[in-house]
Structures are given as structure tokens and as C-alpha cells.
Amino acid sequence: MKKFLVLYRMDMAKMREMMANSTPEQQQESMNEWRLWMEKHAASFADGGAPAGKNTQVTASGASEVSNDVGGYAIMQANSKEEVVAILAESPHLKMPGTTTDVMELLEMEM
């Protein structure tokens, strides 16, 4: 099986707006939807991932705090990228405003 890096992205302004305008009950309902979706596809996740915190960008000249739209990650496994895309197409993530999901195959590297 191949492995794929999945990056869950969301416009940060839309994320702040969504969090400010949703009730604790709506947030819990959303988390339950995620849990059920993850359970349904558990065999496809090599690592269920987690939310991503603030990021530090490292360059040859140093490090600085920057912002991007990566909200979380997962590592999925499947025979093809198309299989991963089909599973992600029904992800609760895509129901939120301003979201996208990136999928990249993790390639084997000989050392």
C-alpha cells in the first residue's frame, strides 16, 4: 500500500468566524461527525493525525513565526491517490467554509 500526507486547510479568518458563531453544542456535533467518519475509514489511516498549532518557518538565516492555513494533518494508506480522494470527498472538513484538503503521496527514498 502507498502512504499519503493529507493536509487539512482552512482560511483562518473563516475559521475564527466559524468558532465565534458556533455554539458548544454545534462544535460537539461537528466533533462527533469527525469521529464517526474516522471510525468508518479507520483502516485507511496509518496515522489519524491531529490539529496543527502555530508554525515557525526555518531558513538558513534563522527562524520566524508565520501563519498559514494548515489546520491539521493525517497519514492515509491506500492503493492509489484516487482511493484517498474518494474517502476525503465525504470528509466533514469540506463542509466547513473556506476549506480544502491537499493529498500528496509519500515516496519511498533509498538511503
C-alpha atoms as a PDB file:
ATOM      1  CA  MET A   1       0.000   0.000   0.000  1.00  0.00           C
ATOM      2  CA  LYS A   2       1.044   3.560  -0.649  1.00  0.00           C
ATOM      3  CA  LYS A   3       1.022   6.263   2.024  1.00  0.00           C
ATOM      4  CA  PHE A   4      -0.265   9.794   1.573  1.00  0.00           C
ATOM      5  CA  LEU A   5       0.166  13.005   3.525  1.00  0.00           C
ATOM      6  CA  VAL A   6      -3.158  14.786   3.970  1.00  0.00           C
ATOM      7  CA  LEU A   7      -3.191  18.479   4.900  1.00  0.00           C
ATOM      8  CA  TYR A   8      -6.489  19.947   6.047  1.00  0.00           C
ATOM      9  CA  ARG A   9      -6.545  23.643   5.120  1.00  0.00           C
ATOM     10  CA  MET A  10      -8.932  26.426   6.083  1.00  0.00           C
ATOM     11  CA  ASP A  11      -8.924  30.173   5.637  1.00  0.00           C
ATOM     12  CA  MET A  12      -8.036  31.401   9.137  1.00  0.00           C
ATOM     13  CA  ALA A  13     -10.446  34.350   9.041  1.00  0.00           C
ATOM     14  CA  LYS A  14     -13.285  31.947   8.218  1.00  0.00           C
ATOM     15  CA  MET A  15     -12.117  29.602  10.998  1.00  0.00           C
ATOM     16  CA  ARG A  16     -12.195  32.417  13.587  1.00  0.00           C
ATOM     17  CA  GLU A  17     -15.643  33.483  12.349  1.00  0.00           C
ATOM     18  CA  MET A  18     -16.966  29.918  12.487  1.00  0.00           C
ATOM     19  CA  MET A  19     -15.649  29.383  16.032  1.00  0.00           C
ATOM     20  CA  ALA A  20     -17.067  32.710  17.219  1.00  0.00           C
ATOM     21  CA  ASN A  21     -20.504  31.983  15.747  1.00  0.00           C
ATOM     22  CA  SER A  22     -20.958  28.330  16.710  1.00  0.00           C
ATOM     23  CA  THR A  23     -22.366  27.077  19.981  1.00  0.00           C
ATOM     24  CA  PRO A  24     -20.626  24.462  22.129  1.00  0.00           C
ATOM     25  CA  GLU A  25     -23.357  22.042  21.042  1.00  0.00           C
ATOM     26  CA  GLN A  26     -22.628  22.703  17.355  1.00  0.00           C
ATOM     27  CA  GLN A  27     -18.909  22.238  17.965  1.00  0.00           C
ATOM     28  CA  GLN A  28     -19.564  18.924  19.756  1.00  0.00           C
ATOM     29  CA  GLU A  29     -21.831  17.774  16.908  1.00  0.00           C
ATOM     30  CA  SER A  30     -19.046  18.572  14.441  1.00  0.00           C
ATOM     31  CA  MET A  31     -16.531  16.582  16.514  1.00  0.00           C
ATOM     32  CA  ASN A  32     -18.943  13.629  16.644  1.00  0.00           C
ATOM     33  CA  GLU A  33     -19.290  13.754  12.867  1.00  0.00           C
ATOM     34  CA  TRP A  34     -15.476  13.655  12.556  1.00  0.00           C
ATOM     35  CA  ARG A  35     -15.269  10.732  14.990  1.00  0.00           C
ATOM     36  CA  LEU A  36     -17.848   8.708  13.054  1.00  0.00           C
ATOM     37  CA  TRP A  37     -16.157   9.445   9.723  1.00  0.00           C
ATOM     38  CA  MET A  38     -12.748   8.462  11.121  1.00  0.00           C
ATOM     39  CA  GLU A  39     -14.166   5.230  12.579  1.00  0.00           C
ATOM     40  CA  LYS A  40     -15.793   4.360   9.249  1.00  0.00           C
ATOM     41  CA  HIS A  41     -12.438   4.735   7.463  1.00  0.00           C
ATOM     42  CA  ALA A  42     -10.098   3.609  10.272  1.00  0.00           C
ATOM     43  CA  ALA A  43      -8.316   1.054   8.054  1.00  0.00           C
ATOM     44  CA  SER A  44      -7.301   3.856   5.667  1.00  0.00           C
ATOM     45  CA  PHE A  45      -5.478   5.888   8.318  1.00  0.00           C
ATOM     46  CA  ALA A  46      -1.884   4.970   9.130  1.00  0.00           C
ATOM     47  CA  ASP A  47      -1.936   7.996  11.467  1.00  0.00           C
ATOM     48  CA  GLY A  48      -5.208   9.769  12.216  1.00  0.00           C
ATOM     49  CA  GLY A  49      -3.285  12.988  12.603  1.00  0.00           C
ATOM     50  CA  ALA A  50      -4.088  15.985  14.751  1.00  0.00           C
ATOM     51  CA  PRO A  51      -4.771  19.696  14.579  1.00  0.00           C
ATOM     52  CA  ALA A  52      -1.727  21.825  13.728  1.00  0.00           C
ATOM     53  CA  GLY A  53      -0.545  24.606  16.022  1.00  0.00           C
ATOM     54  CA  LYS A  54       1.166  27.861  15.094  1.00  0.00           C
ATOM     55  CA  ASN A  55       4.119  27.397  12.807  1.00  0.00           C
ATOM     56  CA  THR A  56       7.703  28.531  12.781  1.00  0.00           C
ATOM     57  CA  GLN A  57       9.408  28.923   9.422  1.00  0.00           C
ATOM     58  CA  VAL A  58      13.089  27.974   9.452  1.00  0.00           C
ATOM     59  CA  THR A  59      15.506  29.327   6.834  1.00  0.00           C
ATOM     60  CA  ALA A  60      19.287  29.386   6.536  1.00  0.00           C
ATOM     61  CA  SER A  61      19.235  32.836   8.141  1.00  0.00           C
ATOM     62  CA  GLY A  62      17.058  31.931  11.117  1.00  0.00           C
ATOM     63  CA  ALA A  63      13.506  31.230  12.216  1.00  0.00           C
ATOM     64  CA  SER A  64      10.381  33.353  12.367  1.00  0.00           C
ATOM     65  CA  GLU A  65       6.779  32.915  13.381  1.00  0.00           C
ATOM     66  CA  VAL A  66       4.493  32.873  10.342  1.00  0.00           C
ATOM     67  CA  SER A  67       0.893  31.992   9.649  1.00  0.00           C
ATOM     68  CA  ASN A  68      -0.580  29.646   7.104  1.00  0.00           C
ATOM     69  CA  ASP A  69      -3.869  27.901   6.512  1.00  0.00           C
ATOM     70  CA  VAL A  70      -2.862  24.376   7.584  1.00  0.00           C
ATOM     71  CA  GLY A  71      -5.273  23.304  10.280  1.00  0.00           C
ATOM     72  CA  GLY A  72      -4.249  19.686  10.644  1.00  0.00           C
ATOM     73  CA  TYR A  73      -2.797  16.591   9.047  1.00  0.00           C
ATOM     74  CA  ALA A  74      -3.239  12.841   8.660  1.00  0.00           C
ATOM     75  CA  ILE A  75      -1.332   9.990   7.040  1.00  0.00           C
ATOM     76  CA  MET A  76      -3.558   7.772   4.924  1.00  0.00           C
ATOM     77  CA  GLN A  77      -2.829   4.496   3.191  1.00  0.00           C
ATOM     78  CA  ALA A  78      -4.418   3.157   0.031  1.00  0.00           C
ATOM     79  CA  ASN A  79      -3.594   1.534  -3.282  1.00  0.00           C
ATOM     80  CA  SER A  80      -3.987   4.833  -5.130  1.00  0.00           C
ATOM     81  CA  LYS A  81      -4.415   8.562  -4.650  1.00  0.00           C
ATOM     82  CA  GLU A  82      -7.867   8.204  -6.204  1.00  0.00           C
ATOM     83  CA  GLU A  83      -8.932   5.949  -3.304  1.00  0.00           C
ATOM     84  CA  VAL A  84      -7.788   8.575  -0.799  1.00  0.00           C
ATOM     85  CA  VAL A  85      -9.550  11.357  -2.708  1.00  0.00           C
ATOM     86  CA  ALA A  86     -12.814   9.370  -2.704  1.00  0.00           C
ATOM     87  CA  ILE A  87     -12.661   8.964   1.081  1.00  0.00           C
ATOM     88  CA  LEU A  88     -11.753  12.619   1.635  1.00  0.00           C
ATOM     89  CA  ALA A  89     -14.592  13.785  -0.621  1.00  0.00           C
ATOM     90  CA  GLU A  90     -17.028  12.826   2.150  1.00  0.00           C
ATOM     91  CA  SER A  91     -14.916  14.317   4.940  1.00  0.00           C
ATOM     92  CA  PRO A  92     -16.636  16.614   7.438  1.00  0.00           C
ATOM     93  CA  HIS A  93     -13.761  19.050   6.842  1.00  0.00           C
ATOM     94  CA  LEU A  94     -15.138  20.007   3.436  1.00  0.00           C
ATOM     95  CA  LYS A  95     -18.465  21.038   4.988  1.00  0.00           C
ATOM     96  CA  MET A  96     -16.792  23.998   6.696  1.00  0.00           C
ATOM     97  CA  PRO A  97     -16.445  27.330   4.857  1.00  0.00           C
ATOM     98  CA  GLY A  98     -13.194  28.124   3.059  1.00  0.00           C
ATOM     99  CA  THR A  99     -11.695  24.635   3.308  1.00  0.00           C
ATOM    100  CA  THR A 100      -9.556  22.497   1.039  1.00  0.00           C
ATOM    101  CA  THR A 101      -7.629  19.278   1.528  1.00  0.00           C
ATOM    102  CA  ASP A 102      -4.236  18.543  -0.039  1.00  0.00           C
ATOM    103  CA  VAL A 103      -3.136  14.965  -0.750  1.00  0.00           C
ATOM    104  CA  MET A 104       0.480  14.068  -1.524  1.00  0.00           C
ATOM    105  CA  GLU A 105       1.930  10.612  -1.977  1.00  0.00           C
ATOM    106  CA  LEU A 106       4.805   9.918   0.409  1.00  0.00           C
ATOM    107  CA  LEU A 107       7.509   8.477  -1.832  1.00  0.00           C
ATOM    108  CA  GLU A 108       9.999   5.843  -0.813  1.00  0.00           C
ATOM    109  CA  MET A 109      13.556   7.105  -0.705  1.00  0.00           C
ATOM    110  CA  GLU A 110      16.597   4.906  -0.816  1.00  0.00           C
ATOM    111  CA  MET A 111      19.368   5.943   1.535  1.00  0.00           C
END
